C-alpha atoms as a PDB file:
ATOM      1  CA  UNK A   1     136.729 176.971 119.597  1.00  0.00           C
ATOM      2  CA  UNK A   2     134.583 179.757 121.164  1.00  0.00           C
ATOM      3  CA  UNK A   3     132.173 181.584 118.922  1.00  0.00           C
ATOM      4  CA  UNK A   4     132.835 185.241 118.228  1.00  0.00           C
ATOM      5  CA  UNK A   5     129.132 185.936 117.689  1.00  0.00           C
ATOM      6  CA  UNK A   6     127.556 188.007 120.463  1.00  0.00           C
ATOM      7  CA  UNK A   7     125.321 186.072 122.792  1.00  0.00           C
ATOM      8  CA  UNK A   8     121.662 187.004 122.672  1.00  0.00           C
ATOM      9  CA  UNK A   9     119.724 187.106 125.888  1.00  0.00           C
ATOM     10  CA  UNK A  10     115.989 186.593 126.059  1.00  0.00           C
ATOM     11  CA  UNK A  11     115.739 188.784 129.121  1.00  0.00           C
ATOM     12  CA  UNK A  12     115.424 192.546 128.990  1.00  0.00           C
ATOM     13  CA  UNK A  13     118.220 194.371 130.775  1.00  0.00           C
ATOM     14  CA  UNK A  14     117.703 196.238 134.036  1.00  0.00           C
ATOM     15  CA  UNK A  15     117.947 199.510 132.094  1.00  0.00           C
ATOM     16  CA  UNK A  16     115.273 198.388 129.627  1.00  0.00           C
ATOM     17  CA  UNK A  17     112.997 197.344 132.493  1.00  0.00           C
ATOM     18  CA  UNK A  18     113.492 200.698 134.237  1.00  0.00           C
ATOM     19  CA  UNK A  19     112.785 202.579 130.995  1.00  0.00           C
ATOM     20  CA  UNK A  20     109.611 200.552 130.393  1.00  0.00           C
ATOM     21  CA  UNK A  21     108.423 201.315 133.936  1.00  0.00           C
ATOM     22  CA  UNK A  22     109.107 205.033 133.531  1.00  0.00           C
ATOM     23  CA  UNK A  23     107.303 205.243 130.189  1.00  0.00           C
ATOM     24  CA  UNK A  24     104.253 203.279 131.363  1.00  0.00           C
ATOM     25  CA  UNK A  25     103.954 205.240 134.615  1.00  0.00           C
ATOM     26  CA  UNK A  26     104.270 208.601 132.860  1.00  0.00           C
ATOM     27  CA  UNK A  27     101.821 207.700 130.095  1.00  0.00           C
ATOM     28  CA  UNK A  28      99.251 206.324 132.566  1.00  0.00           C
ATOM     29  CA  UNK A  29      99.635 209.373 134.829  1.00  0.00           C
ATOM     30  CA  UNK A  30      99.336 211.776 131.884  1.00  0.00           C
ATOM     31  CA  UNK A  31      96.239 210.108 130.449  1.00  0.00           C
ATOM     32  CA  UNK A  32      94.454 209.149 133.696  1.00  0.00           C
ATOM     33  CA  UNK A  33      95.419 211.455 136.578  1.00  0.00           C
ATOM     34  CA  UNK A  34      97.641 214.385 135.596  1.00  0.00           C
ATOM     35  CA  UNK A  35      95.118 217.145 136.342  1.00  0.00           C
ATOM     36  CA  UNK A  36      93.880 217.893 139.843  1.00  0.00           C
ATOM     37  CA  UNK A  37      90.444 219.450 140.010  1.00  0.00           C
ATOM     38  CA  UNK A  38      90.574 222.173 142.678  1.00  0.00           C
ATOM     39  CA  UNK A  39      88.241 222.128 145.675  1.00  0.00           C
ATOM     40  CA  UNK A  40      87.063 218.515 145.207  1.00  0.00           C
ATOM     41  CA  UNK A  41      90.606 217.153 144.916  1.00  0.00           C
ATOM     42  CA  UNK A  42      89.696 214.608 142.254  1.00  0.00           C
ATOM     43  CA  UNK A  43      92.317 213.816 139.648  1.00  0.00           C
ATOM     44  CA  UNK A  44      91.560 213.310 135.983  1.00  0.00           C
ATOM     45  CA  UNK A  45      93.876 212.879 133.078  1.00  0.00           C
ATOM     46  CA  UNK A  46      94.119 214.325 129.641  1.00  0.00           C
ATOM     47  CA  UNK A  47      92.242 211.419 128.058  1.00  0.00           C
ATOM     48  CA  UNK A  48      88.735 212.421 129.186  1.00  0.00           C
ATOM     49  CA  UNK A  49      89.441 215.938 127.920  1.00  0.00           C
ATOM     50  CA  UNK A  50      90.741 214.952 124.492  1.00  0.00           C
ATOM     51  CA  UNK A  51      87.912 212.417 124.269  1.00  0.00           C
ATOM     52  CA  UNK A  52      85.519 215.363 124.050  1.00  0.00           C
ATOM     53  CA  UNK A  53      86.623 215.619 120.406  1.00  0.00           C
ATOM     54  CA  UNK A  54      84.411 212.981 118.756  1.00  0.00           C
ATOM     55  CA  UNK A  55      86.269 209.922 117.458  1.00  0.00           C
ATOM     56  CA  UNK A  56      89.626 211.665 116.915  1.00  0.00           C
ATOM     57  CA  UNK A  57      90.114 212.298 120.630  1.00  0.00           C
ATOM     58  CA  UNK A  58      89.321 208.696 121.518  1.00  0.00           C
ATOM     59  CA  UNK A  59      91.638 207.374 118.835  1.00  0.00           C
ATOM     60  CA  UNK A  60      94.427 209.734 119.994  1.00  0.00           C
ATOM     61  CA  UNK A  61      94.147 208.392 123.540  1.00  0.00           C
ATOM     62  CA  UNK A  62      94.100 204.860 122.144  1.00  0.00           C
ATOM     63  CA  UNK A  63      97.360 205.490 120.285  1.00  0.00           C
ATOM     64  CA  UNK A  64      99.122 206.503 123.514  1.00  0.00           C
ATOM     65  CA  UNK A  65      97.617 203.447 125.203  1.00  0.00           C
ATOM     66  CA  UNK A  66      99.214 201.364 122.454  1.00  0.00           C
ATOM     67  CA  UNK A  67     102.561 202.729 123.655  1.00  0.00           C
ATOM     68  CA  UNK A  68     102.034 201.086 127.036  1.00  0.00           C
ATOM     69  CA  UNK A  69     101.054 197.831 125.346  1.00  0.00           C
ATOM     70  CA  UNK A  70     104.110 198.191 123.112  1.00  0.00           C
ATOM     71  CA  UNK A  71     106.291 198.327 126.212  1.00  0.00           C
ATOM     72  CA  UNK A  72     104.687 195.090 127.403  1.00  0.00           C
ATOM     73  CA  UNK A  73     105.467 193.468 124.048  1.00  0.00           C
ATOM     74  CA  UNK A  74     109.049 194.718 124.233  1.00  0.00           C
ATOM     75  CA  UNK A  75     109.382 193.338 127.750  1.00  0.00           C
ATOM     76  CA  UNK A  76     108.117 189.959 126.527  1.00  0.00           C
ATOM     77  CA  UNK A  77     104.907 189.937 128.557  1.00  0.00           C
ATOM     78  CA  UNK A  78     102.983 186.675 128.271  1.00  0.00           C
ATOM     79  CA  UNK A  79     100.069 186.494 125.817  1.00  0.00           C
ATOM     80  CA  UNK A  80      97.493 186.485 128.643  1.00  0.00           C
ATOM     81  CA  UNK A  81      98.804 189.788 129.993  1.00  0.00           C
ATOM     82  CA  UNK A  82      98.844 191.290 126.508  1.00  0.00           C
ATOM     83  CA  UNK A  83      95.279 190.126 125.919  1.00  0.00           C
ATOM     84  CA  UNK A  84      94.065 191.724 129.165  1.00  0.00           C
ATOM     85  CA  UNK A  85      95.851 194.960 128.307  1.00  0.00           C
ATOM     86  CA  UNK A  86      94.318 194.954 124.827  1.00  0.00           C
ATOM     87  CA  UNK A  87      90.901 194.269 126.365  1.00  0.00           C
ATOM     88  CA  UNK A  88      91.139 197.323 128.623  1.00  0.00           C
ATOM     89  CA  UNK A  89      92.346 199.450 125.698  1.00  0.00           C
ATOM     90  CA  UNK A  90      89.544 198.317 123.381  1.00  0.00           C
ATOM     91  CA  UNK A  91      86.912 198.729 126.094  1.00  0.00           C
ATOM     92  CA  UNK A  92      88.177 202.238 126.774  1.00  0.00           C
ATOM     93  CA  UNK A  93      88.128 203.059 123.056  1.00  0.00           C
ATOM     94  CA  UNK A  94      84.592 201.841 122.413  1.00  0.00           C
ATOM     95  CA  UNK A  95      83.020 203.171 125.578  1.00  0.00           C
ATOM     96  CA  UNK A  96      84.745 206.489 124.932  1.00  0.00           C
ATOM     97  CA  UNK A  97      82.924 206.804 121.612  1.00  0.00           C
ATOM     98  CA  UNK A  98      79.617 207.280 123.448  1.00  0.00           C
ATOM     99  CA  UNK A  99      79.155 211.041 123.923  1.00  0.00           C
ATOM    100  CA  UNK A 100      79.270 212.303 127.528  1.00  0.00           C
ATOM    101  CA  UNK A 101      78.686 208.884 129.140  1.00  0.00           C
ATOM    102  CA  UNK A 102      81.885 207.608 127.535  1.00  0.00           C
ATOM    103  CA  UNK A 103      83.853 210.484 129.019  1.00  0.00           C
ATOM    104  CA  UNK A 104      82.473 209.670 132.464  1.00  0.00           C
ATOM    105  CA  UNK A 105      83.463 206.029 132.041  1.00  0.00           C
ATOM    106  CA  UNK A 106      86.974 207.155 130.979  1.00  0.00           C
ATOM    107  CA  UNK A 107      87.218 208.833 134.356  1.00  0.00           C
ATOM    108  CA  UNK A 108      86.290 205.670 136.269  1.00  0.00           C
ATOM    109  CA  UNK A 109      87.817 202.948 134.073  1.00  0.00           C
ATOM    110  CA  UNK A 110      91.335 204.376 133.933  1.00  0.00           C
ATOM    111  CA  UNK A 111      92.414 201.741 131.449  1.00  0.00           C
ATOM    112  CA  UNK A 112      95.948 203.112 131.221  1.00  0.00           C
ATOM    113  CA  UNK A 113      96.477 202.853 134.964  1.00  0.00           C
ATOM    114  CA  UNK A 114      95.198 199.280 134.850  1.00  0.00           C
ATOM    115  CA  UNK A 115      97.502 198.461 131.941  1.00  0.00           C
ATOM    116  CA  UNK A 116     100.428 200.054 133.738  1.00  0.00           C
ATOM    117  CA  UNK A 117      99.691 197.869 136.777  1.00  0.00           C
ATOM    118  CA  UNK A 118      99.605 194.753 134.580  1.00  0.00           C
ATOM    119  CA  UNK A 119     102.939 195.708 133.033  1.00  0.00           C
ATOM    120  CA  UNK A 120     104.415 196.468 136.459  1.00  0.00           C
ATOM    121  CA  UNK A 121     103.304 193.066 137.735  1.00  0.00           C
ATOM    122  CA  UNK A 122     104.996 191.405 134.771  1.00  0.00           C
ATOM    123  CA  UNK A 123     108.176 193.412 135.314  1.00  0.00           C
ATOM    124  CA  UNK A 124     108.180 192.502 139.009  1.00  0.00           C
ATOM    125  CA  UNK A 125     107.884 188.817 138.132  1.00  0.00           C
ATOM    126  CA  UNK A 126     110.347 188.978 135.263  1.00  0.00           C
ATOM    127  CA  UNK A 127     113.381 188.190 137.363  1.00  0.00           C
ATOM    128  CA  UNK A 128     112.141 184.853 138.656  1.00  0.00           C
ATOM    129  CA  UNK A 129     110.081 183.498 135.782  1.00  0.00           C
ATOM    130  CA  UNK A 130     111.269 181.893 132.588  1.00  0.00           C
ATOM    131  CA  UNK A 131     110.105 183.596 129.421  1.00  0.00           C
ATOM    132  CA  UNK A 132     107.279 181.902 127.548  1.00  0.00           C
ATOM    133  CA  UNK A 133     108.425 180.077 124.410  1.00  0.00           C
ATOM    134  CA  UNK A 134     109.152 182.439 121.528  1.00  0.00           C
ATOM    135  CA  UNK A 135     106.393 180.994 119.336  1.00  0.00           C
ATOM    136  CA  UNK A 136     103.792 181.636 122.055  1.00  0.00           C
ATOM    137  CA  UNK A 137     104.955 185.231 122.463  1.00  0.00           C
ATOM    138  CA  UNK A 138     104.916 185.813 118.712  1.00  0.00           C
ATOM    139  CA  UNK A 139     101.482 184.275 118.309  1.00  0.00           C
ATOM    140  CA  UNK A 140     100.188 186.351 121.218  1.00  0.00           C
ATOM    141  CA  UNK A 141     101.621 189.545 119.735  1.00  0.00           C
ATOM    142  CA  UNK A 142     100.103 188.795 116.311  1.00  0.00           C
ATOM    143  CA  UNK A 143      96.681 188.049 117.821  1.00  0.00           C
ATOM    144  CA  UNK A 144      96.728 191.157 120.016  1.00  0.00           C
ATOM    145  CA  UNK A 145      97.877 193.320 117.092  1.00  0.00           C
ATOM    146  CA  UNK A 146      95.085 191.926 114.909  1.00  0.00           C
ATOM    147  CA  UNK A 147      92.529 192.583 117.650  1.00  0.00           C
ATOM    148  CA  UNK A 148      93.771 196.141 118.146  1.00  0.00           C
ATOM    149  CA  UNK A 149      93.726 196.908 114.420  1.00  0.00           C
ATOM    150  CA  UNK A 150      90.230 195.489 114.174  1.00  0.00           C
ATOM    151  CA  UNK A 151      89.185 197.646 117.129  1.00  0.00           C
ATOM    152  CA  UNK A 152      90.555 200.789 115.471  1.00  0.00           C
ATOM    153  CA  UNK A 153      88.717 199.948 112.254  1.00  0.00           C
ATOM    154  CA  UNK A 154      85.464 199.261 114.114  1.00  0.00           C
ATOM    155  CA  UNK A 155      85.882 202.477 116.120  1.00  0.00           C
ATOM    156  CA  UNK A 156      86.329 204.380 112.872  1.00  0.00           C
ATOM    157  CA  UNK A 157      83.200 202.808 111.385  1.00  0.00           C
ATOM    158  CA  UNK A 158      81.160 203.383 114.561  1.00  0.00           C
ATOM    159  CA  UNK A 159      82.475 206.909 114.998  1.00  0.00           C
ATOM    160  CA  UNK A 160      81.761 207.787 111.386  1.00  0.00           C
ATOM    161  CA  UNK A 161      78.229 206.448 111.729  1.00  0.00           C
ATOM    162  CA  UNK A 162      77.755 208.403 114.960  1.00  0.00           C
ATOM    163  CA  UNK A 163      79.012 211.641 113.441  1.00  0.00           C
ATOM    164  CA  UNK A 164      76.863 211.021 110.347  1.00  0.00           C
ATOM    165  CA  UNK A 165      73.797 210.475 112.533  1.00  0.00           C
ATOM    166  CA  UNK A 166      74.457 213.587 114.603  1.00  0.00           C
ATOM    167  CA  UNK A 167      75.489 215.977 111.848  1.00  0.00           C
ATOM    168  CA  UNK A 168      74.444 214.163 108.642  1.00  0.00           C
END
């Protein structure tokens, strides 16, 4: 007798994949290259600008970056991809805490564009590759989440110390 329970697929639908691509592309563009500097033609994003606000600006950019990583989690990216994405995000967060030099590095690193490319590569491969086992995905997500939370806490501590040293 056939089961009346709906079948659950491990694969994201084409609509979910398209939505993840759109979100990641828009977020990366907004943060890394949405503003064209006249005359020189260089593009920067909003992230280097909001990063001028000590600590809070860097954390705000980090939160949007987490949205791109969240899309990768939703699209069942393998733990290695998630770890690389988290590495770029954490590097961007910590380097961004350094006044002036951090803002310059934000301009060159473009962590969100790199993370978008990693997600795109995963989405391109999604059709032909089997998903990693569920336990590996879950473990990867837990480890990446723990690393990201630790990074936010460390950024808060470092940023507080920096502000205390500058204005204390």
